[in-house]
Protein backbone atom coordinates (compact mmCIF):
# COMPACT_ATOMS: atom_id res chain seq x y z
CA MET A 1 146.36 50.46 132.40
CA ARG A 2 146.39 49.31 128.77
CA ILE A 3 147.48 51.87 126.16
CA LEU A 4 147.32 51.58 122.37
CA HIS A 5 149.62 53.96 120.48
CA VAL A 6 148.67 54.65 116.85
CA LEU A 7 151.40 55.63 114.38
CA GLY A 8 152.63 54.88 110.88
CA LYS A 9 155.67 52.67 111.55
CA LEU A 10 158.30 52.07 114.24
CA ASP A 11 161.27 53.43 112.29
CA ARG A 12 164.02 55.70 113.61
CA GLY A 13 162.31 59.07 113.70
CA GLY A 14 161.68 61.64 116.42
CA VAL A 15 158.23 60.36 117.42
CA GLU A 16 159.26 56.72 117.31
CA THR A 17 162.50 57.29 119.23
CA TRP A 18 160.63 59.09 122.00
CA LEU A 19 157.98 56.37 122.20
CA VAL A 20 160.58 53.61 122.44
CA GLN A 21 162.42 55.53 125.15
CA VAL A 22 159.12 55.90 127.00
CA LEU A 23 158.59 52.15 126.71
CA ARG A 24 162.06 51.51 128.15
CA HIS A 25 161.51 53.69 131.20
CA ILE A 26 157.80 53.48 132.04
CA ASP A 27 156.53 51.04 134.67
CA ARG A 28 155.56 48.26 132.27
CA GLN A 29 153.75 46.38 135.03
CA LYS A 30 151.38 49.31 135.50
CA TYR A 31 151.23 50.61 131.92
CA GLN A 32 150.94 47.99 129.16
CA MET A 33 151.77 49.66 125.84
CA ASP A 34 150.95 48.25 122.39
CA PHE A 35 151.57 49.84 118.99
CA LEU A 36 149.10 49.93 116.12
CA VAL A 37 150.98 50.64 112.88
CA HIS A 38 149.77 51.34 109.34
CA THR A 39 152.06 48.87 107.60
CA THR A 40 153.20 45.26 107.58
CA ASP A 41 156.78 46.26 106.71
CA PRO A 42 159.27 45.78 109.55
CA GLY A 43 160.41 48.86 111.45
CA ALA A 44 163.85 49.58 112.91
CA TYR A 45 162.53 49.40 116.49
CA ASP A 46 160.29 46.33 116.10
CA GLU A 47 162.66 43.83 117.68
CA GLU A 48 163.36 45.94 120.77
CA VAL A 49 159.70 46.85 121.24
CA ARG A 50 158.66 43.21 121.22
CA ALA A 51 161.52 42.30 123.58
CA LEU A 52 160.13 44.88 126.02
CA GLY A 53 156.77 43.10 126.01
CA ALA A 54 154.77 45.34 123.68
CA ARG A 55 152.81 44.09 120.71
CA ILE A 56 153.03 45.58 117.21
CA ILE A 57 149.66 45.32 115.50
CA PRO A 58 149.20 46.14 111.79
CA CYS A 59 146.05 48.03 110.86
CA LEU A 60 146.01 48.68 107.13
CA THR A 61 144.34 50.94 104.57
CA PRO A 62 144.03 54.29 106.39
CA SER A 63 143.36 55.72 102.90
CA ASN A 64 140.15 53.65 102.80
CA PRO A 65 138.10 54.93 105.75
CA LEU A 66 135.49 52.16 105.74
CA GLN A 67 138.01 49.33 105.53
CA TYR A 68 140.22 51.02 108.13
CA ALA A 69 137.27 51.31 110.50
CA LEU A 70 136.60 47.57 110.17
CA ASN A 71 140.29 46.79 110.75
CA PHE A 72 140.48 49.15 113.73
CA ARG A 73 137.43 47.59 115.40
CA ARG A 74 138.93 44.14 114.81
CA VAL A 75 142.17 45.22 116.53
CA LEU A 76 140.29 46.53 119.56
CA ARG A 77 138.21 43.37 119.72
CA GLU A 78 141.13 40.94 119.37
CA TYR A 79 143.81 42.76 121.36
CA GLY A 80 141.81 44.98 123.72
CA PRO A 81 140.12 46.22 125.69
CA TYR A 82 142.23 49.37 125.99
CA ASP A 83 141.94 52.13 128.57
CA VAL A 84 143.75 54.65 126.34
CA VAL A 85 144.11 55.19 122.60
CA HIS A 86 147.01 57.61 122.07
CA SER A 87 147.15 58.75 118.45
CA HIS A 88 150.28 60.18 116.82
CA VAL A 89 149.06 60.56 113.22
CA HIS A 90 148.42 64.32 113.25
CA HIS A 91 145.11 65.31 111.64
CA TYR A 92 144.11 61.71 110.94
CA SER A 93 143.91 61.36 114.73
CA GLY A 94 140.42 62.85 114.40
CA TYR A 95 139.18 59.74 112.59
CA VAL A 96 141.16 57.37 114.84
CA LEU A 97 139.75 58.91 118.01
CA MET A 98 136.22 58.94 116.64
CA LEU A 99 136.52 55.18 116.06
CA ALA A 100 137.96 54.76 119.56
CA ALA A 101 135.06 56.74 121.05
CA MET A 102 132.53 54.63 119.13
CA ALA A 103 134.22 51.52 120.57
CA GLY A 104 133.93 52.88 124.11
CA VAL A 105 137.61 53.60 124.81
CA PRO A 106 137.45 56.01 127.78
CA VAL A 107 140.69 58.00 127.28
CA ARG A 108 141.50 59.26 123.79
CA ILE A 109 144.62 61.42 123.25
CA ALA A 110 145.54 63.38 120.13
CA HIS A 111 149.26 64.14 119.96
CA SER A 112 150.77 66.70 117.55
CA HIS A 113 154.43 66.13 116.68
CA THR A 114 154.83 68.21 113.54
CA ALA A 115 154.34 71.74 112.26
CA ALA A 116 153.51 70.98 108.64
CA PRO A 117 152.38 74.04 106.64
CA GLU A 118 148.78 74.35 105.49
CA SER A 119 147.99 73.08 102.00
CA ALA A 120 146.61 75.40 99.35
CA SER A 121 144.33 72.66 98.05
CA ALA A 122 140.62 73.22 98.74
CA THR A 123 140.13 69.48 99.18
CA ARG A 124 142.94 69.32 101.70
CA ARG A 125 141.58 72.31 103.63
CA THR A 126 138.19 70.63 103.84
CA TYR A 127 139.84 67.45 105.15
CA LEU A 128 141.78 69.39 107.80
CA LYS A 129 138.64 71.21 108.93
CA LEU A 130 136.77 67.92 109.29
CA MET A 131 139.60 66.24 111.21
CA ARG A 132 139.95 69.20 113.58
CA HIS A 133 136.22 68.98 114.24
CA LEU A 134 136.54 65.27 115.03
CA ILE A 135 139.52 65.87 117.32
CA LYS A 136 137.64 68.60 119.18
CA HIS A 137 134.66 66.32 119.79
CA HIS A 138 136.39 62.98 120.40
CA ALA A 139 139.73 63.72 122.11
CA SER A 140 139.55 63.60 125.89
CA ALA A 141 143.05 65.12 126.06
CA GLY A 142 145.64 66.55 123.69
CA MET A 143 149.42 66.87 123.67
CA VAL A 144 151.68 69.11 121.57
CA VAL A 145 155.48 68.93 121.50
CA SER A 146 155.84 72.66 120.78
CA SER A 147 153.76 75.76 120.19
CA PHE A 148 154.33 75.37 116.44
CA ALA A 149 153.08 71.78 116.53
CA GLY A 150 150.02 72.80 118.50
CA ASN A 151 149.14 75.63 116.13
CA SER A 152 149.52 73.25 113.17
CA LEU A 153 146.96 70.81 114.52
CA ILE A 154 144.54 72.93 116.58
CA PRO A 155 145.13 76.69 116.16
CA ASN A 156 143.28 77.58 119.39
CA TRP A 157 144.71 74.75 121.50
CA ARG A 158 145.89 77.12 124.25
CA GLU A 159 142.30 78.07 124.99
CA ASP A 160 141.40 74.51 125.98
CA ALA A 161 142.69 73.27 129.37
CA CYS A 162 142.61 69.68 128.08
CA TRP A 163 145.62 70.40 125.85
CA HIS A 164 149.13 70.03 127.24
CA LEU A 165 152.45 71.41 126.05
CA ALA A 166 154.78 68.41 126.37
CA PRO A 167 158.30 68.77 124.89
CA TYR A 168 160.07 65.48 124.28
CA GLY A 169 162.20 63.82 126.92
CA ILE A 170 165.59 62.44 125.93
CA GLU A 171 167.84 59.74 127.35
CA THR A 172 170.52 62.08 128.66
CA ARG A 173 172.89 59.53 130.22
CA PRO A 174 174.63 58.57 126.94
CA PHE A 175 175.75 62.19 126.64
CA ASP A 176 177.61 61.94 129.96
CA VAL A 177 179.87 59.16 128.69
CA GLU A 178 183.38 60.19 127.64
CA VAL A 179 184.29 59.36 124.04
CA ASP A 180 187.56 58.98 122.18
CA HIS A 181 187.32 61.57 119.42
CA ALA A 182 190.16 60.14 117.37
CA GLN A 183 188.70 56.64 117.54
CA VAL A 184 185.17 57.71 116.60
CA ARG A 185 186.44 59.72 113.64
CA ALA A 186 188.74 56.93 112.50
CA GLN A 187 185.83 54.47 112.51
CA LEU A 188 183.95 56.82 110.21
CA GLY A 189 186.92 57.41 107.93
CA ILE A 190 187.32 61.08 108.87
CA GLN A 191 190.80 62.54 108.81
CA PRO A 192 192.16 64.04 112.07
CA GLY A 193 191.81 67.82 112.23
CA ALA A 194 189.09 68.08 109.59
CA PRO A 195 186.25 70.45 110.58
CA VAL A 196 183.11 68.27 110.62
CA VAL A 197 179.63 69.60 109.91
CA GLY A 198 177.08 67.06 111.09
CA HIS A 199 173.46 66.31 110.39
CA VAL A 200 171.12 63.60 111.73
CA GLY A 201 167.82 63.01 109.97
CA ARG A 202 165.83 60.89 107.56
CA PHE A 203 166.46 61.43 103.87
CA VAL A 204 163.11 63.02 103.14
CA ALA A 205 162.30 66.35 101.50
CA VAL A 206 161.48 68.22 104.72
CA LYS A 207 165.03 67.68 106.07
CA ASN A 208 166.37 69.75 103.15
CA HIS A 209 169.48 67.72 102.26
CA LYS A 210 169.60 69.53 98.91
CA LEU A 211 170.38 72.78 100.72
CA ILE A 212 173.08 70.99 102.72
CA LEU A 213 174.80 70.11 99.44
CA ARG A 214 174.68 73.70 98.20
CA VAL A 215 175.97 74.95 101.55
CA ALA A 216 178.81 72.41 101.36
CA GLU A 217 179.94 73.79 98.00
CA GLU A 218 180.12 77.28 99.48
CA LEU A 219 181.78 76.26 102.77
CA LEU A 220 184.54 74.38 100.93
CA LYS A 221 185.56 77.69 99.36
CA LEU A 222 186.15 79.02 102.88
CA GLU A 223 187.37 75.80 104.53
CA PRO A 224 188.69 73.26 101.98
CA ARG A 225 189.24 70.58 104.65
CA ALA A 226 185.59 70.53 105.76
CA VAL A 227 183.70 67.23 105.94
CA PHE A 228 179.93 66.77 106.04
CA LEU A 229 178.78 63.81 108.11
CA LEU A 230 175.19 62.70 107.37
CA VAL A 231 173.58 60.18 109.72
CA GLY A 232 170.31 58.55 108.69
CA ASP A 233 168.54 56.79 105.87
CA GLY A 234 165.40 57.23 103.82
CA PRO A 235 163.87 57.23 100.35
CA LEU A 236 165.85 60.22 99.05
CA ARG A 237 169.26 58.90 100.06
CA PRO A 238 170.15 57.46 96.61
CA GLU A 239 169.23 60.77 94.96
CA ILE A 240 171.36 62.78 97.40
CA GLU A 241 174.29 60.39 97.00
CA GLY A 242 173.99 60.80 93.23
CA LYS A 243 174.08 64.59 93.50
CA ILE A 244 177.12 64.41 95.81
CA SER A 245 178.94 62.35 93.20
CA GLN A 246 177.83 64.55 90.28
CA ARG A 247 179.13 67.67 92.03
CA GLY A 248 182.48 66.11 92.85
CA LEU A 249 181.88 66.27 96.59
CA SER A 250 182.29 62.60 97.49
CA GLU A 251 185.57 63.04 99.38
CA HIS A 252 183.91 65.67 101.58
CA PHE A 253 180.84 63.62 102.55
CA VAL A 254 180.52 60.66 104.90
CA MET A 255 177.20 58.81 104.66
CA ALA A 256 176.93 57.01 107.99
CA GLY A 257 173.48 55.47 107.49
CA LEU A 258 171.31 54.39 110.43
CA ARG A 259 173.25 54.28 113.69
CA SER A 260 172.39 53.14 117.19
CA ASN A 261 175.27 55.16 118.73
CA VAL A 262 174.17 58.66 117.71
CA PRO A 263 175.24 60.31 121.01
CA GLU A 264 178.77 58.92 120.56
CA ILE A 265 178.91 60.21 116.97
CA LEU A 266 177.60 63.63 117.96
CA LYS A 267 180.15 63.98 120.75
CA GLY A 268 183.09 62.30 119.08
CA ALA A 269 182.90 63.21 115.40
CA MET A 270 181.11 66.53 114.89
CA ASP A 271 182.20 70.13 115.42
CA ILE A 272 178.92 71.82 114.48
CA PHE A 273 175.38 70.67 113.74
CA LEU A 274 173.50 71.84 110.63
CA PHE A 275 169.71 71.54 110.60
CA PRO A 276 167.99 73.41 107.73
CA SER A 277 164.59 71.66 107.91
CA GLU A 278 161.66 73.18 106.05
CA TYR A 279 159.45 72.56 109.09
CA GLU A 280 159.56 70.60 112.36
CA GLY A 281 157.43 70.01 115.44
CA LEU A 282 160.26 69.60 117.94
CA PRO A 283 163.41 68.00 116.51
CA ILE A 284 164.98 65.49 118.90
CA ALA A 285 168.09 65.37 116.70
CA LEU A 286 168.74 69.07 117.27
CA MET A 287 168.18 68.78 121.00
CA GLU A 288 170.55 65.80 121.19
CA ALA A 289 173.19 67.81 119.34
CA GLU A 290 172.89 70.50 122.02
CA LEU A 291 173.19 67.89 124.78
CA ALA A 292 176.40 66.77 123.06
CA GLY A 293 177.74 70.32 123.41
CA LEU A 294 177.57 71.20 119.71
CA PRO A 295 176.85 74.70 118.42
CA CYS A 296 173.97 74.49 115.97
CA LEU A 297 172.83 76.35 112.87
CA ALA A 298 169.16 75.79 112.05
CA SER A 299 166.40 77.24 109.93
CA ASP A 300 164.28 79.87 111.64
CA VAL A 301 161.13 77.73 111.38
CA ILE A 302 162.36 75.56 114.26
CA ALA A 303 160.31 75.92 117.46
CA SER A 304 161.89 77.95 120.27
CA GLU A 305 161.32 74.99 122.62
CA ALA A 306 164.18 73.21 120.82
CA GLU A 307 166.79 75.70 122.08
CA LEU A 308 168.06 74.31 125.38
CA ALA A 309 170.59 77.04 126.16
CA PRO A 310 170.48 80.71 125.06
CA GLY A 311 172.57 81.29 121.96
CA MET A 312 173.31 77.63 121.33
CA VAL A 313 171.17 77.55 118.18
CA ALA A 314 171.88 80.18 115.55
CA ARG A 315 169.10 80.62 113.01
CA LEU A 316 168.81 81.64 109.38
CA PRO A 317 165.76 81.94 107.13
CA LEU A 318 165.36 79.33 104.45
CA SER A 319 165.39 82.19 101.95
CA ALA A 320 169.02 83.00 102.86
CA SER A 321 171.55 82.06 100.21
CA PRO A 322 173.76 78.95 100.54
CA LYS A 323 176.68 81.39 100.73
CA LYS A 324 175.13 83.07 103.78
CA TRP A 325 174.60 79.67 105.44
CA ALA A 326 178.22 78.74 104.71
CA GLU A 327 179.53 82.03 106.10
CA SER A 328 177.56 81.49 109.30
CA LEU A 329 178.91 77.95 109.65
CA HIS A 330 182.44 79.19 109.09
CA SER A 331 182.07 81.97 111.65
CA ILE A 332 180.72 79.58 114.30
CA LEU A 333 183.49 77.05 113.61
CA LYS A 334 186.15 79.74 114.00
CA SER A 335 184.74 80.94 117.34
CA ASN A 336 185.66 77.66 119.10
CA LYS A 337 183.19 78.49 121.87
CA ILE A 338 182.50 75.67 124.34
CA TRP A 339 178.78 75.08 124.94
CA SER A 340 176.88 73.10 127.52
CA VAL A 341 173.26 72.68 128.62
CA PRO A 342 172.51 73.68 132.25
CA LYS A 343 171.85 70.78 134.61
CA ASP A 344 168.32 71.88 135.46
CA VAL A 345 167.44 72.07 131.76
CA ARG A 346 168.95 68.61 131.16
CA ARG A 347 166.84 67.26 134.01
CA ARG A 348 163.69 68.91 132.65
CA HIS A 349 164.31 67.34 129.25
CA SER A 350 165.24 63.89 130.53
CA ILE A 351 163.19 60.87 129.51
CA GLU A 352 162.63 60.10 133.18
CA ASP A 353 160.91 63.45 133.68
CA SER A 354 158.95 63.01 130.45
CA VAL A 355 157.73 59.55 131.45
CA SER A 356 156.68 60.78 134.89
CA ARG A 357 154.59 63.54 133.36
CA LEU A 358 153.11 61.26 130.72
CA ALA A 359 152.07 58.72 133.34
CA ALA A 360 150.44 61.50 135.34
CA LEU A 361 148.51 62.56 132.25
CA TYR A 362 147.33 58.99 131.63
CA ASP A 363 146.21 58.71 135.23
CA SER A 364 144.34 62.02 135.18
CA ALA A 365 142.97 62.13 131.62
CA GLY A 366 139.93 60.09 132.51
CA GLN A 367 138.82 62.54 135.17
CA THR A 368 135.62 64.44 134.58
CA GLU A 369 137.21 67.84 135.13
CA PRO A 370 140.24 68.86 132.98
CA THR A 371 143.46 68.92 134.96
CA GLY A 372 145.02 71.87 133.14
CA MET A 373 148.47 72.08 131.60
CA ILE A 374 150.59 69.81 133.77
CA TYR A 375 153.45 70.26 131.30
CA GLN A 376 155.33 73.52 131.16
CA SER A 377 157.25 75.12 128.31
CA ALA A 378 160.95 74.36 128.05
CA GLN A 379 161.65 78.08 128.01
């Protein structure tokens, strides 16, 4: 079976990380996966993806529908035929899947990974209405990573048996490896005994790094030794680094950049995980923090499917003051409670289980009759 995934770029993000993990674990003799991307810029995962036998195919100008249609048809003609087009570009999937249907691709999957709020713009609302119409008429199956993500793309998705609730799978084995806490912290330049508040995420507005800085100022009044460890990169990183310096917080922040050993850093360097995103579909970073045994403090817009063990994720509204966030962090740090994710939940969220279910969906999606929701909620 030949599958074409459509996404923006193969950088280190939740969608991309899951897709690369799927590629690692799926039967690549049976399922040949290629990736259509909307850029010619290199992505962080490009080298590994090609080494695993998948092709990365640029298809430019999604902002120009006519030109994009010509480019998309050329890709299908030169690299196809494909049995499945699996689109990960949210509402734009409507246009992608319409083009795939016109080209005769039999299985067309729309996949919602985010829970972006509705725009107030009339033009934007018209665009969303049109794309939802196209998805409804051209998707042969749909996947949502959480209830929030489903509602963001297709508000009535639960009423259609072709839509499947499919929380991400994660490579759980790295979280079973013992780590040397002192060594990991020393490599990052963190002093022994310092309480470490961690965050993993791209430096983009939705991740809310500006709130993290304000929370840091308040937490340092309660715990002067605290260190904030930020893992990731992105367009807003220089701005955030500038604000850290301006506020005299440099000695309390460690900017780790992009890392391939995130599980080791989560387990070995952090004491608590802070995740104040403005919206999310299903954050892999938060789920990985839980697998590492970290208590978490997150915004209350995070989907319930992200909480792997009851009580492991404390929540606050984004309207809460930085002082309130800091007080909650301080209280959790002082509790010293040891957390762990139950074995059956770990198994249900493993990449192996996710790949098995995805393969079953690929195999069944072309059937005349809908197969129903083969995925079940994480809760």
